[in-house]
C-alpha atoms as a PDB file:
ATOM      1  CA  MET A   1      -3.047  98.237 156.979  1.00  0.00           C
ATOM      2  CA  ASN A   2      -2.467  98.332 160.689  1.00  0.00           C
ATOM      3  CA  PHE A   3      -1.644  95.577 163.022  1.00  0.00           C
ATOM      4  CA  SER A   4      -5.132  95.107 164.568  1.00  0.00           C
ATOM      5  CA  LYS A   5      -6.816  94.899 161.056  1.00  0.00           C
ATOM      6  CA  LEU A   6      -4.244  92.422 159.734  1.00  0.00           C
ATOM      7  CA  LEU A   7      -4.900  90.321 162.932  1.00  0.00           C
ATOM      8  CA  CYS A   8      -8.683  90.227 162.351  1.00  0.00           C
ATOM      9  CA  LEU A   9      -7.936  89.183 158.609  1.00  0.00           C
ATOM     10  CA  VAL A  10      -5.751  86.359 159.666  1.00  0.00           C
ATOM     11  CA  LEU A  11      -8.331  85.123 162.218  1.00  0.00           C
ATOM     12  CA  VAL A  12     -11.089  85.248 159.645  1.00  0.00           C
ATOM     13  CA  TYR A  13      -9.019  83.268 157.237  1.00  0.00           C
ATOM     14  CA  ILE A  14      -8.101  80.707 159.847  1.00  0.00           C
ATOM     15  CA  GLU A  15     -11.756  80.173 160.822  1.00  0.00           C
ATOM     16  CA  GLN A  16     -12.888  79.918 157.300  1.00  0.00           C
ATOM     17  CA  PHE A  17     -10.371  77.298 156.243  1.00  0.00           C
ATOM     18  CA  GLY A  18     -10.627  75.326 159.434  1.00  0.00           C
ATOM     19  CA  ARG A  19     -14.344  74.721 158.846  1.00  0.00           C
ATOM     20  CA  ALA A  20     -15.565  71.367 157.518  1.00  0.00           C
ATOM     21  CA  LEU A  21     -18.857  70.284 156.041  1.00  0.00           C
ATOM     22  CA  GLU A  22     -20.466  68.446 158.835  1.00  0.00           C
ATOM     23  CA  CYS A  23     -22.474  65.314 158.189  1.00  0.00           C
ATOM     24  CA  LYS A  24     -24.278  63.706 161.295  1.00  0.00           C
ATOM     25  CA  GLY A  25     -24.992  60.031 161.225  1.00  0.00           C
ATOM     26  CA  VAL A  26     -28.025  57.925 162.146  1.00  0.00           C
ATOM     27  CA  GLN A  27     -27.659  54.960 164.502  1.00  0.00           C
ATOM     28  CA  ASP A  28     -28.036  51.687 162.514  1.00  0.00           C
ATOM     29  CA  GLY A  29     -28.841  53.906 159.445  1.00  0.00           C
ATOM     30  CA  SER A  30     -27.246  55.502 156.489  1.00  0.00           C
ATOM     31  CA  LYS A  31     -26.536  59.215 155.745  1.00  0.00           C
ATOM     32  CA  ASP A  32     -25.767  60.816 152.318  1.00  0.00           C
ATOM     33  CA  CYS A  33     -22.874  63.345 152.467  1.00  0.00           C
ATOM     34  CA  GLU A  34     -21.935  65.443 149.537  1.00  0.00           C
ATOM     35  CA  GLY A  35     -18.971  67.918 149.356  1.00  0.00           C
ATOM     36  CA  LYS A  36     -16.894  69.852 146.860  1.00  0.00           C
ATOM     37  CA  GLN A  37     -13.540  68.666 145.736  1.00  0.00           C
ATOM     38  CA  ASP A  38     -10.695  69.875 148.043  1.00  0.00           C
ATOM     39  CA  GLU A  39     -13.128  70.714 150.833  1.00  0.00           C
ATOM     40  CA  GLN A  40     -13.182  68.980 154.258  1.00  0.00           C
ATOM     41  CA  VAL A  41     -16.096  66.817 155.321  1.00  0.00           C
ATOM     42  CA  LYS A  42     -16.582  65.769 159.002  1.00  0.00           C
ATOM     43  CA  LEU A  43     -18.572  62.504 159.515  1.00  0.00           C
ATOM     44  CA  ILE A  44     -20.093  62.688 162.993  1.00  0.00           C
ATOM     45  CA  ILE A  45     -21.520  59.795 164.880  1.00  0.00           C
ATOM     46  CA  GLN A  46     -24.317  59.787 167.487  1.00  0.00           C
ATOM     47  CA  ASP A  47     -22.743  57.405 169.957  1.00  0.00           C
ATOM     48  CA  THR A  48     -21.398  59.135 173.065  1.00  0.00           C
ATOM     49  CA  GLU A  49     -20.890  56.166 175.433  1.00  0.00           C
ATOM     50  CA  ASN A  50     -18.576  53.438 173.804  1.00  0.00           C
ATOM     51  CA  ALA A  51     -14.805  54.199 173.984  1.00  0.00           C
ATOM     52  CA  ASP A  52     -13.659  52.335 170.941  1.00  0.00           C
ATOM     53  CA  THR A  53     -14.910  52.962 167.426  1.00  0.00           C
ATOM     54  CA  THR A  54     -13.645  51.349 164.168  1.00  0.00           C
ATOM     55  CA  TRP A  55     -13.943  53.054 160.945  1.00  0.00           C
ATOM     56  CA  LEU A  56     -14.087  51.304 157.584  1.00  0.00           C
ATOM     57  CA  LYS A  57     -14.417  52.295 154.026  1.00  0.00           C
ATOM     58  CA  GLY A  58     -16.018  49.296 152.329  1.00  0.00           C
ATOM     59  CA  LEU A  59     -13.945  46.419 153.698  1.00  0.00           C
ATOM     60  CA  SER A  60     -10.879  48.416 154.483  1.00  0.00           C
ATOM     61  CA  PRO A  61      -9.957  49.959 157.872  1.00  0.00           C
ATOM     62  CA  VAL A  62      -9.393  53.709 158.033  1.00  0.00           C
ATOM     63  CA  SER A  63      -6.834  55.125 160.361  1.00  0.00           C
ATOM     64  CA  THR A  64      -5.456  58.555 161.077  1.00  0.00           C
ATOM     65  CA  GLN A  65      -3.107  60.122 158.593  1.00  0.00           C
ATOM     66  CA  ALA A  66      -1.780  63.504 159.016  1.00  0.00           C
ATOM     67  CA  ASN A  67      -2.290  64.419 155.394  1.00  0.00           C
ATOM     68  CA  LYS A  68      -5.702  62.756 154.733  1.00  0.00           C
ATOM     69  CA  TYR A  69      -7.851  61.713 157.834  1.00  0.00           C
ATOM     70  CA  THR A  70      -8.438  62.953 161.296  1.00  0.00           C
ATOM     71  CA  ILE A  71     -10.286  60.645 163.806  1.00  0.00           C
ATOM     72  CA  VAL A  72     -11.600  61.922 167.058  1.00  0.00           C
ATOM     73  CA  ASN A  73     -12.959  59.728 169.905  1.00  0.00           C
ATOM     74  CA  ASP A  74     -12.632  62.101 172.737  1.00  0.00           C
ATOM     75  CA  PRO A  75     -13.824  64.730 173.463  1.00  0.00           C
ATOM     76  CA  GLN A  76     -17.215  64.168 172.051  1.00  0.00           C
ATOM     77  CA  PRO A  77     -18.670  64.089 169.396  1.00  0.00           C
ATOM     78  CA  LYS A  78     -16.809  61.194 167.784  1.00  0.00           C
ATOM     79  CA  SER A  79     -15.959  61.936 164.044  1.00  0.00           C
ATOM     80  CA  LEU A  80     -13.973  61.142 161.056  1.00  0.00           C
ATOM     81  CA  THR A  81     -12.728  64.123 159.071  1.00  0.00           C
ATOM     82  CA  ILE A  82     -11.492  63.674 155.376  1.00  0.00           C
ATOM     83  CA  LEU A  83      -9.130  66.629 155.084  1.00  0.00           C
ATOM     84  CA  SER A  84      -9.263  67.260 151.279  1.00  0.00           C
ATOM     85  CA  LEU A  85     -11.929  65.522 149.243  1.00  0.00           C
ATOM     86  CA  GLU A  86     -10.963  63.897 145.962  1.00  0.00           C
ATOM     87  CA  GLU A  87     -12.783  61.520 143.505  1.00  0.00           C
ATOM     88  CA  ALA A  88     -11.098  58.362 145.154  1.00  0.00           C
ATOM     89  CA  ASP A  89     -12.726  59.333 148.465  1.00  0.00           C
ATOM     90  CA  GLU A  90     -16.215  58.434 147.158  1.00  0.00           C
ATOM     91  CA  GLY A  91     -17.681  55.417 148.879  1.00  0.00           C
ATOM     92  CA  THR A  92     -19.522  54.287 152.094  1.00  0.00           C
ATOM     93  CA  TYR A  93     -17.819  54.843 155.292  1.00  0.00           C
ATOM     94  CA  LYS A  94     -18.969  53.035 158.452  1.00  0.00           C
ATOM     95  CA  ALA A  95     -18.426  53.488 162.106  1.00  0.00           C
ATOM     96  CA  ALA A  96     -18.883  50.321 164.252  1.00  0.00           C
ATOM     97  CA  TYR A  97     -18.964  50.358 168.057  1.00  0.00           C
ATOM     98  CA  GLY A  98     -20.503  48.812 171.139  1.00  0.00           C
ATOM     99  CA  ASP A  99     -21.441  45.295 172.306  1.00  0.00           C
ATOM    100  CA  PRO A 100     -23.607  44.157 170.608  1.00  0.00           C
ATOM    101  CA  VAL A 101     -22.146  45.970 167.683  1.00  0.00           C
ATOM    102  CA  LYS A 102     -24.084  49.030 166.355  1.00  0.00           C
ATOM    103  CA  SER A 103     -23.041  51.035 163.267  1.00  0.00           C
ATOM    104  CA  GLU A 104     -23.555  54.251 161.467  1.00  0.00           C
ATOM    105  CA  SER A 105     -22.920  54.680 157.646  1.00  0.00           C
ATOM    106  CA  PHE A 106     -22.109  57.631 155.442  1.00  0.00           C
ATOM    107  CA  ASN A 107     -22.350  57.615 151.652  1.00  0.00           C
ATOM    108  CA  VAL A 108     -19.851  60.182 150.503  1.00  0.00           C
ATOM    109  CA  LYS A 109     -20.010  61.823 147.109  1.00  0.00           C
ATOM    110  CA  VAL A 110     -17.533  64.352 145.781  1.00  0.00           C
ATOM    111  CA  ILE A 111     -18.587  67.217 143.399  1.00  0.00           C
ATOM    112  CA  PRO A 112     -15.631  68.176 141.131  1.00  0.00           C
ATOM    113  CA  VAL A 113     -14.753  71.838 140.867  1.00  0.00           C
ATOM    114  CA  CYS A 114     -13.516  73.192 137.591  1.00  0.00           C
ATOM    115  CA  LYS A 115     -11.664  76.520 137.869  1.00  0.00           C
ATOM    116  CA  GLY A 116     -11.371  78.910 135.058  1.00  0.00           C
ATOM    117  CA  SER A 117      -8.215  80.584 133.619  1.00  0.00           C
ATOM    118  CA  SER A 118      -6.973  82.866 130.898  1.00  0.00           C
ATOM    119  CA  THR A 119      -7.235  80.008 128.424  1.00  0.00           C
ATOM    120  CA  LYS A 120     -10.202  77.707 127.769  1.00  0.00           C
ATOM    121  CA  THR A 121     -10.343  75.032 130.597  1.00  0.00           C
ATOM    122  CA  LYS A 122     -11.085  71.556 129.739  1.00  0.00           C
ATOM    123  CA  CYS A 123     -13.488  70.035 132.304  1.00  0.00           C
ATOM    124  CA  LYS A 124     -14.487  66.476 132.905  1.00  0.00           C
ATOM    125  CA  GLY A 125     -17.304  64.886 134.668  1.00  0.00           C
ATOM    126  CA  LYS A 126     -19.404  61.704 134.626  1.00  0.00           C
ATOM    127  CA  SER A 127     -22.859  60.810 133.544  1.00  0.00           C
ATOM    128  CA  GLY A 128     -25.421  61.291 136.344  1.00  0.00           C
ATOM    129  CA  GLY A 129     -22.977  63.279 138.500  1.00  0.00           C
ATOM    130  CA  LYS A 130     -22.576  67.021 139.417  1.00  0.00           C
ATOM    131  CA  LEU A 131     -20.092  69.674 138.545  1.00  0.00           C
ATOM    132  CA  THR A 132     -19.195  73.173 139.718  1.00  0.00           C
ATOM    133  CA  LEU A 133     -17.812  75.633 137.221  1.00  0.00           C
ATOM    134  CA  GLU A 134     -15.912  78.412 139.066  1.00  0.00           C
ATOM    135  CA  ALA A 135     -14.809  81.823 137.434  1.00  0.00           C
ATOM    136  CA  ILE A 136     -11.644  83.134 139.042  1.00  0.00           C
ATOM    137  CA  GLY A 137     -10.794  86.888 139.323  1.00  0.00           C
ATOM    138  CA  ILE A 138     -13.668  88.161 137.059  1.00  0.00           C
ATOM    139  CA  PRO A 139     -15.412  91.281 138.295  1.00  0.00           C
ATOM    140  CA  GLY A 140     -19.227  90.770 138.884  1.00  0.00           C
ATOM    141  CA  PRO A 141     -21.946  90.668 138.136  1.00  0.00           C
ATOM    142  CA  ILE A 142     -21.265  87.414 136.169  1.00  0.00           C
ATOM    143  CA  THR A 143     -23.510  85.985 133.437  1.00  0.00           C
ATOM    144  CA  TRP A 144     -23.196  82.294 132.534  1.00  0.00           C
ATOM    145  CA  VAL A 145     -23.738  81.170 128.980  1.00  0.00           C
ATOM    146  CA  LYS A 146     -24.000  77.730 127.389  1.00  0.00           C
ATOM    147  CA  GLY A 147     -23.244  78.086 123.705  1.00  0.00           C
ATOM    148  CA  SER A 148     -25.389  80.994 122.893  1.00  0.00           C
ATOM    149  CA  THR A 149     -27.939  80.417 125.510  1.00  0.00           C
ATOM    150  CA  THR A 150     -27.863  82.500 128.922  1.00  0.00           C
ATOM    151  CA  ILE A 151     -28.303  80.198 131.897  1.00  0.00           C
ATOM    152  CA  THR A 152     -30.667  81.074 134.622  1.00  0.00           C
ATOM    153  CA  GLU A 153     -31.081  79.456 138.087  1.00  0.00           C
ATOM    154  CA  SER A 154     -33.120  76.234 138.130  1.00  0.00           C
ATOM    155  CA  GLY A 155     -33.640  73.956 141.004  1.00  0.00           C
ATOM    156  CA  THR A 156     -33.627  70.902 138.656  1.00  0.00           C
ATOM    157  CA  LYS A 157     -30.724  71.466 136.507  1.00  0.00           C
ATOM    158  CA  TYR A 158     -28.747  74.442 137.867  1.00  0.00           C
ATOM    159  CA  GLY A 159     -28.145  76.065 141.096  1.00  0.00           C
ATOM    160  CA  PRO A 160     -27.278  77.659 143.080  1.00  0.00           C
ATOM    161  CA  VAL A 161     -25.978  80.250 140.604  1.00  0.00           C
ATOM    162  CA  ASN A 162     -24.015  83.160 142.018  1.00  0.00           C
ATOM    163  CA  GLN A 163     -21.383  85.618 140.846  1.00  0.00           C
ATOM    164  CA  SER A 164     -18.597  83.098 140.658  1.00  0.00           C
ATOM    165  CA  THR A 165     -19.926  79.619 140.412  1.00  0.00           C
ATOM    166  CA  LEU A 166     -22.285  77.551 138.326  1.00  0.00           C
ATOM    167  CA  LEU A 167     -23.512  74.127 139.760  1.00  0.00           C
ATOM    168  CA  ILE A 168     -24.649  71.717 137.098  1.00  0.00           C
ATOM    169  CA  LYS A 169     -26.665  68.605 138.161  1.00  0.00           C
ATOM    170  CA  GLU A 170     -27.410  65.242 136.559  1.00  0.00           C
ATOM    171  CA  LEU A 171     -24.761  65.488 133.923  1.00  0.00           C
ATOM    172  CA  ALA A 172     -25.782  63.973 130.582  1.00  0.00           C
ATOM    173  CA  GLU A 173     -24.699  63.771 127.032  1.00  0.00           C
ATOM    174  CA  LEU A 174     -26.432  67.010 126.076  1.00  0.00           C
ATOM    175  CA  ASP A 175     -24.347  68.845 128.615  1.00  0.00           C
ATOM    176  CA  GLN A 176     -21.165  68.558 126.589  1.00  0.00           C
ATOM    177  CA  ALA A 177     -20.648  72.092 125.323  1.00  0.00           C
ATOM    178  CA  ASP A 178     -18.697  75.192 125.672  1.00  0.00           C
ATOM    179  CA  TYR A 179     -19.625  77.429 128.689  1.00  0.00           C
ATOM    180  CA  LYS A 180     -18.692  81.017 129.250  1.00  0.00           C
ATOM    181  CA  ALA A 181     -18.613  83.136 132.445  1.00  0.00           C
ATOM    182  CA  THR A 182     -18.820  86.991 131.363  1.00  0.00           C
ATOM    183  CA  GLY A 183     -18.188  89.773 133.817  1.00  0.00           C
ATOM    184  CA  THR A 184     -18.164  93.506 133.616  1.00  0.00           C
ATOM    185  CA  GLY A 185     -16.262  95.066 130.630  1.00  0.00           C
ATOM    186  CA  SER A 186     -14.805  92.408 128.309  1.00  0.00           C
ATOM    187  CA  SER A 187     -13.649  89.995 131.106  1.00  0.00           C
ATOM    188  CA  ALA A 188     -14.604  86.353 130.442  1.00  0.00           C
ATOM    189  CA  GLN A 189     -13.527  82.792 131.027  1.00  0.00           C
ATOM    190  CA  GLU A 190     -14.425  79.683 128.860  1.00  0.00           C
ATOM    191  CA  PHE A 191     -14.979  76.079 129.872  1.00  0.00           C
ATOM    192  CA  ALA A 192     -15.064  73.073 127.507  1.00  0.00           C
ATOM    193  CA  VAL A 193     -17.310  70.431 129.227  1.00  0.00           C
ATOM    194  CA  GLN A 194     -16.914  66.683 128.644  1.00  0.00           C
ATOM    195  CA  VAL A 195     -19.129  64.005 130.192  1.00  0.00           C
ATOM    196  CA  ALA A 196     -17.785  60.463 130.615  1.00  0.00           C
ATOM    197  CA  PRO A 197     -20.312  57.692 130.061  1.00  0.00           C
ATOM    198  CA  VAL A 198     -20.786  55.234 132.930  1.00  0.00           C
ATOM    199  CA  TYR A 199     -21.213  51.466 132.003  1.00  0.00           C
ATOM    200  CA  MET A 200     -22.626  49.071 134.634  1.00  0.00           C
ATOM    201  CA  GLY A 201     -21.279  45.564 134.368  1.00  0.00           C
ATOM    202  CA  SER A 202     -22.997  42.169 134.720  1.00  0.00           C
ATOM    203  CA  THR A 203     -21.901  38.783 136.097  1.00  0.00           C
ATOM    204  CA  GLU A 204     -23.714  36.913 133.319  1.00  0.00           C
ATOM    205  CA  THR A 205     -22.742  38.581 129.932  1.00  0.00           C
ATOM    206  CA  PRO A 206     -19.818  40.839 128.798  1.00  0.00           C
ATOM    207  CA  LYS A 207     -20.765  44.535 128.694  1.00  0.00           C
ATOM    208  CA  PRO A 208     -20.113  46.345 125.421  1.00  0.00           C
ATOM    209  CA  CYS A 209     -18.792  49.904 126.012  1.00  0.00           C
ATOM    210  CA  VAL A 210     -18.034  52.715 123.557  1.00  0.00           C
ATOM    211  CA  GLY A 211     -15.699  55.677 124.357  1.00  0.00           C
ATOM    212  CA  ASN A 212     -14.138  58.463 122.357  1.00  0.00           C
ATOM    213  CA  LEU A 213     -10.489  59.242 121.824  1.00  0.00           C
ATOM    214  CA  ASP A 214      -8.966  61.667 124.346  1.00  0.00           C
ATOM    215  CA  ARG A 215     -12.160  61.411 126.513  1.00  0.00           C
ATOM    216  CA  ASP A 216     -12.686  59.409 129.786  1.00  0.00           C
ATOM    217  CA  ILE A 217     -14.986  56.435 130.336  1.00  0.00           C
ATOM    218  CA  VAL A 218     -16.261  54.952 133.694  1.00  0.00           C
ATOM    219  CA  LEU A 219     -16.752  51.150 134.319  1.00  0.00           C
ATOM    220  CA  LYS A 220     -18.715  50.095 137.309  1.00  0.00           C
ATOM    221  CA  ILE A 221     -19.342  46.560 138.598  1.00  0.00           C
ATOM    222  CA  GLY A 222     -23.018  45.444 138.842  1.00  0.00           C
ATOM    223  CA  GLY A 223     -22.517  43.133 141.788  1.00  0.00           C
ATOM    224  CA  SER A 224     -21.720  43.672 145.430  1.00  0.00           C
ATOM    225  CA  VAL A 225     -18.453  43.209 147.180  1.00  0.00           C
ATOM    226  CA  SER A 226     -18.811  41.114 150.312  1.00  0.00           C
ATOM    227  CA  ASN A 227     -15.357  39.815 151.403  1.00  0.00           C
ATOM    228  CA  LYS A 228     -12.586  40.826 148.798  1.00  0.00           C
ATOM    229  CA  GLU A 229     -11.936  44.138 146.992  1.00  0.00           C
ATOM    230  CA  VAL A 230     -12.162  44.454 143.145  1.00  0.00           C
ATOM    231  CA  VAL A 231      -9.036  43.870 141.027  1.00  0.00           C
ATOM    232  CA  TRP A 232      -9.211  45.460 137.611  1.00  0.00           C
ATOM    233  CA  THR A 233      -7.144  43.889 134.640  1.00  0.00           C
ATOM    234  CA  LYS A 234      -6.704  44.176 130.971  1.00  0.00           C
ATOM    235  CA  GLY A 235      -5.518  41.013 129.555  1.00  0.00           C
ATOM    236  CA  ASP A 236      -3.193  39.607 132.273  1.00  0.00           C
ATOM    237  CA  VAL A 237      -2.090  43.036 133.434  1.00  0.00           C
ATOM    238  CA  THR A 238      -3.452  44.634 136.751  1.00  0.00           C
ATOM    239  CA  LEU A 239      -4.374  48.223 136.091  1.00  0.00           C
ATOM    240  CA  THR A 240      -2.356  50.778 138.040  1.00  0.00           C
ATOM    241  CA  GLY A 241      -0.957  54.208 137.467  1.00  0.00           C
ATOM    242  CA  VAL A 242      -2.335  57.681 136.850  1.00  0.00           C
ATOM    243  CA  LYS A 243      -4.242  56.732 133.894  1.00  0.00           C
ATOM    244  CA  TYR A 244      -6.778  54.726 135.999  1.00  0.00           C
ATOM    245  CA  VAL A 245      -8.843  56.377 138.832  1.00  0.00           C
ATOM    246  CA  LYS A 246     -10.418  53.935 141.181  1.00  0.00           C
ATOM    247  CA  SER A 247     -13.189  54.939 143.521  1.00  0.00           C
ATOM    248  CA  GLY A 248     -16.248  53.629 145.329  1.00  0.00           C
ATOM    249  CA  ASN A 249     -16.365  50.815 147.901  1.00  0.00           C
ATOM    250  CA  ASP A 250     -13.358  48.467 147.459  1.00  0.00           C
ATOM    251  CA  GLU A 251     -12.376  50.034 144.156  1.00  0.00           C
ATOM    252  CA  SER A 252     -15.711  49.095 142.521  1.00  0.00           C
ATOM    253  CA  VAL A 253     -15.475  51.928 140.056  1.00  0.00           C
ATOM    254  CA  LEU A 254     -12.748  52.410 137.375  1.00  0.00           C
ATOM    255  CA  LYS A 255     -12.263  55.568 135.362  1.00  0.00           C
ATOM    256  CA  ILE A 256     -10.055  55.218 132.321  1.00  0.00           C
ATOM    257  CA  THR A 257      -8.838  58.674 131.446  1.00  0.00           C
ATOM    258  CA  ASN A 258      -7.791  60.238 128.093  1.00  0.00           C
ATOM    259  CA  LEU A 259      -8.660  57.230 126.038  1.00  0.00           C
ATOM    260  CA  ALA A 260      -6.167  56.136 123.272  1.00  0.00           C
ATOM    261  CA  ALA A 261      -6.615  53.693 120.451  1.00  0.00           C
ATOM    262  CA  ASN A 262      -4.699  50.951 122.275  1.00  0.00           C
ATOM    263  CA  ASP A 263      -7.130  51.238 125.346  1.00  0.00           C
ATOM    264  CA  ALA A 264      -9.771  49.243 123.268  1.00  0.00           C
ATOM    265  CA  GLY A 265     -10.070  45.532 124.429  1.00  0.00           C
ATOM    266  CA  GLU A 266     -11.396  43.386 127.258  1.00  0.00           C
ATOM    267  CA  TYR A 267     -11.304  44.491 130.882  1.00  0.00           C
ATOM    268  CA  LYS A 268     -12.037  42.303 133.777  1.00  0.00           C
ATOM    269  CA  ALA A 269     -13.278  43.101 137.341  1.00  0.00           C
ATOM    270  CA  VAL A 270     -12.581  40.251 139.753  1.00  0.00           C
ATOM    271  CA  TYR A 271     -13.836  40.356 143.398  1.00  0.00           C
ATOM    272  CA  ASN A 272     -15.004  38.261 146.346  1.00  0.00           C
ATOM    273  CA  ASP A 273     -14.079  34.689 147.409  1.00  0.00           C
ATOM    274  CA  PRO A 274     -15.133  32.484 145.618  1.00  0.00           C
ATOM    275  CA  GLU A 275     -14.310  34.885 142.775  1.00  0.00           C
ATOM    276  CA  VAL A 276     -16.985  36.805 140.724  1.00  0.00           C
ATOM    277  CA  THR A 277     -15.932  38.152 137.322  1.00  0.00           C
ATOM    278  CA  GLU A 278     -17.400  40.857 135.210  1.00  0.00           C
ATOM    279  CA  ILE A 279     -16.167  41.625 131.670  1.00  0.00           C
ATOM    280  CA  PHE A 280     -16.298  44.871 129.842  1.00  0.00           C
ATOM    281  CA  ILE A 281     -15.483  45.003 126.012  1.00  0.00           C
ATOM    282  CA  LEU A 282     -14.391  48.557 125.221  1.00  0.00           C
ATOM    283  CA  GLU A 283     -14.462  50.062 121.765  1.00  0.00           C
ATOM    284  CA  VAL A 284     -12.629  53.459 121.149  1.00  0.00           C
ATOM    285  CA  LYS A 285     -13.858  55.843 118.446  1.00  0.00           C
ATOM    286  CA  SER A 286     -12.620  59.112 117.034  1.00  0.00           C
ATOM    287  CA  VAL A 287     -14.485  62.171 118.135  1.00  0.00           C
ATOM    288  CA  THR A 288     -16.735  63.631 115.313  1.00  0.00           C
ATOM    289  CA  PRO A 289     -19.562  66.148 115.361  1.00  0.00           C
ATOM    290  CA  ASP A 290     -22.007  63.217 115.370  1.00  0.00           C
ATOM    291  CA  ASN A 291     -20.410  61.249 118.211  1.00  0.00           C
ATOM    292  CA  ASP A 292     -19.096  64.104 120.267  1.00  0.00           C
ATOM    293  CA  LYS A 293     -21.606  63.092 123.079  1.00  0.00           C
ATOM    294  CA  ALA A 294     -21.497  60.603 125.830  1.00  0.00           C
ATOM    295  CA  PRO A 295     -22.253  57.280 123.820  1.00  0.00           C
ATOM    296  CA  PRO A 296     -25.708  55.765 124.384  1.00  0.00           C
ATOM    297  CA  GLY A 297     -26.085  52.919 126.875  1.00  0.00           C
ATOM    298  CA  GLY A 298     -23.544  54.290 129.289  1.00  0.00           C
ATOM    299  CA  GLY A 299     -25.275  53.894 132.605  1.00  0.00           C
ATOM    300  CA  THR A 300     -27.921  56.197 134.274  1.00  0.00           C
ATOM    301  CA  LYS A 301     -28.144  59.229 132.053  1.00  0.00           C
ATOM    302  CA  LYS A 302     -31.150  61.629 132.124  1.00  0.00           C
ATOM    303  CA  PRO A 303     -31.855  63.877 129.125  1.00  0.00           C
ATOM    304  CA  SER A 304     -31.091  67.459 130.046  1.00  0.00           C
ATOM    305  CA  ASP A 305     -30.777  70.883 128.435  1.00  0.00           C
ATOM    306  CA  ASP A 306     -27.540  72.210 129.693  1.00  0.00           C
ATOM    307  CA  GLY A 307     -24.537  70.999 131.746  1.00  0.00           C
ATOM    308  CA  GLY A 308     -20.928  71.058 132.720  1.00  0.00           C
ATOM    309  CA  THR A 309     -18.248  69.203 134.564  1.00  0.00           C
ATOM    310  CA  LYS A 310     -14.941  69.368 136.598  1.00  0.00           C
ATOM    311  CA  LYS A 311     -11.459  68.855 135.795  1.00  0.00           C
ATOM    312  CA  PRO A 312     -10.155  65.923 137.954  1.00  0.00           C
ATOM    313  CA  SER A 313      -6.457  66.680 137.887  1.00  0.00           C
ATOM    314  CA  ASP A 314      -5.883  65.622 134.317  1.00  0.00           C
ATOM    315  CA  GLY A 315      -5.254  61.804 134.656  1.00  0.00           C
ATOM    316  CA  GLY A 316      -5.619  61.841 138.509  1.00  0.00           C
ATOM    317  CA  GLY A 317      -4.374  58.628 140.125  1.00  0.00           C
ATOM    318  CA  PRO A 318      -6.014  55.740 141.800  1.00  0.00           C
ATOM    319  CA  LYS A 319      -5.808  55.987 145.456  1.00  0.00           C
ATOM    320  CA  LYS A 320      -6.850  53.139 147.858  1.00  0.00           C
ATOM    321  CA  PRO A 321      -8.557  53.940 151.119  1.00  0.00           C
ATOM    322  CA  ARG A 322      -5.842  54.925 153.594  1.00  0.00           C
ATOM    323  CA  SER A 323      -5.225  52.395 156.134  1.00  0.00           C
ATOM    324  CA  GLY A 324      -1.894  53.485 157.789  1.00  0.00           C
ATOM    325  CA  GLY A 325       0.468  56.297 158.389  1.00  0.00           C
ATOM    326  CA  GLY A 326       2.902  57.752 155.999  1.00  0.00           C
ATOM    327  CA  GLY A 327       2.626  58.905 152.480  1.00  0.00           C
ATOM    328  CA  ASN A 328       3.679  62.153 150.896  1.00  0.00           C
ATOM    329  CA  LEU A 329       2.622  65.242 152.722  1.00  0.00           C
ATOM    330  CA  SER A 330       0.363  67.645 150.720  1.00  0.00           C
ATOM    331  CA  TYR A 331      -0.507  71.315 151.477  1.00  0.00           C
ATOM    332  CA  SER A 332      -3.766  72.907 150.450  1.00  0.00           C
ATOM    333  CA  PRO A 333      -3.998  76.504 149.106  1.00  0.00           C
ATOM    334  CA  ALA A 334      -5.990  77.379 152.224  1.00  0.00           C
ATOM    335  CA  LEU A 335      -3.014  76.315 154.403  1.00  0.00           C
ATOM    336  CA  LEU A 336      -0.593  78.291 152.322  1.00  0.00           C
ATOM    337  CA  VAL A 337      -2.727  81.503 152.384  1.00  0.00           C
ATOM    338  CA  THR A 338      -2.909  81.207 156.217  1.00  0.00           C
ATOM    339  CA  VAL A 339       0.822  80.824 156.450  1.00  0.00           C
ATOM    340  CA  ILE A 340       1.521  83.838 154.360  1.00  0.00           C
ATOM    341  CA  LEU A 341      -0.981  85.971 156.409  1.00  0.00           C
ATOM    342  CA  VAL A 342       0.672  84.919 159.669  1.00  0.00           C
ATOM    343  CA  HIS A 343       4.128  85.662 158.132  1.00  0.00           C
ATOM    344  CA  LEU A 344       2.969  89.174 157.423  1.00  0.00           C
ATOM    345  CA  LEU A 345       1.613  89.606 160.839  1.00  0.00           C
ATOM    346  CA  LEU A 346       4.844  88.672 162.518  1.00  0.00           C
ATOM    347  CA  GLN A 347       6.700  91.094 160.214  1.00  0.00           C
ATOM    348  CA  LEU A 348       4.392  93.953 161.262  1.00  0.00           C
ATOM    349  CA  ALA A 349       4.720  93.062 164.870  1.00  0.00           C
ATOM    350  CA  ALA A 350       8.455  93.011 164.742  1.00  0.00           C
END
């Protein structure tokens, strides 16, 4: 490969990885924005006059962090870019500006991406959500199969389907199954899909919840946060650590990963001032052929015929909205590929 061809390749990679999904707001309105895990999403506001803009996620201010957010006020257009989407980034972002104050809101959703490997990949999603299964390194054309049934593109359940990815919509209990991507020859990758039930709480009565051992479960408050973020506890212990993934506005959603027998018990979500409390009573069962499905009553599930899910970095970690500098630096695969290509280019030029 000569110098000019390598230069073109580097520029193509830089352009590709520098792109972000753009989501344009509506003044005094709300815009739905949906992106894949690890992608960038750019929230663009319509205001072009006011110098100062304040960004919030729920009640919490958002400020520039080198490894998470980029905020642009000038040159126009004004925007907030989330540099690498993850589950904890889901929620409503609001840009406020002007006098009198105007605002634009963005409802951000993250589609998990489950990447195949040489061994069966365990993939996790949640009821009502979406998942992308991605076959890696398999020569096409690729055929996707659920159990023994070949999957074809469908606007209501699947799609788009192409040679490397399968998007599954409206995850439900019937979507829990083994999926296989088969390419030319004998090449194939397998995906084991699990769907976590979602339980909506209530301020009036405790909510009974049922989960399976080694699976995930999602608890979500039924009320609205107005002036104080949600604190999740079990007994007298505040829930922290990689076992618990908090997302939504002001940590209004709690995912408990890889359920164990000792995870059974009473959970509380306390928020606002004066305090509002919602109670969840969790029962943990062993997985059997009869209950190897998302338990009934777990939130908004729609019957479906096929499905799949994403692997959210096994046991992921709760991450609060970022509101200041610092934190550990992280590097995306895209950035590493770009650095390697530039290094090769410099070697050839020497």
